Amino acid sequence: MTNIYEMEYNVNNRDFVVAGDVSRIIKRTLQRIGVDPKIVRRVAIASYEAEMNIAIHSNGGRISAKIDTDKVLVCTQDFGPGIPDIDLAMTEGWSTATAEIREMGFGAGMGLPNMKKCSDVFEIDSQVPQGTTIKMTFWLT
């Protein structure tokens, strides 16, 4: 296992002008180094959902991506408010998004379920009010 790329970016709360840029950078990096397009698509969807969750639901946070020869590891860490019931938050269609967010086309309650579906390994830890950490692994082989 050799580390090819490592990147880390801040994601601001409700900064919808740039929300999505981090996942686009990760996607383009994977395309540039020749990763299978099916894997690129899964990583792009999961990292976009994670990025939007930070922008919509948290007080801000960061996303890091580490690309090795055998896997891509995408990690997010936000600065609160945390998720009181992770099992409920993992339910498709369940959302705490405000009406304003829904009117913008977000907050359908598919973020966490899509992250889990797209990744090969999905880990989530949340502490109220400290925040939420998510680790997603995508195997390249």
Foldseek 3Di string as FASTA:
>chain_A
DAWDDKDKDKAAAQPVVCQLVVLVVVLVVCVVVPFPPLLSVLSSLLVSLVSVCQRFPARIWMWMWIDDPWKIKIKIKGFFQWDPDVVQLLDQQDFPGDPVQVVVVDTRSCSNVSNVVSAPDWDKDIDGGGTIMIMGMHTRD
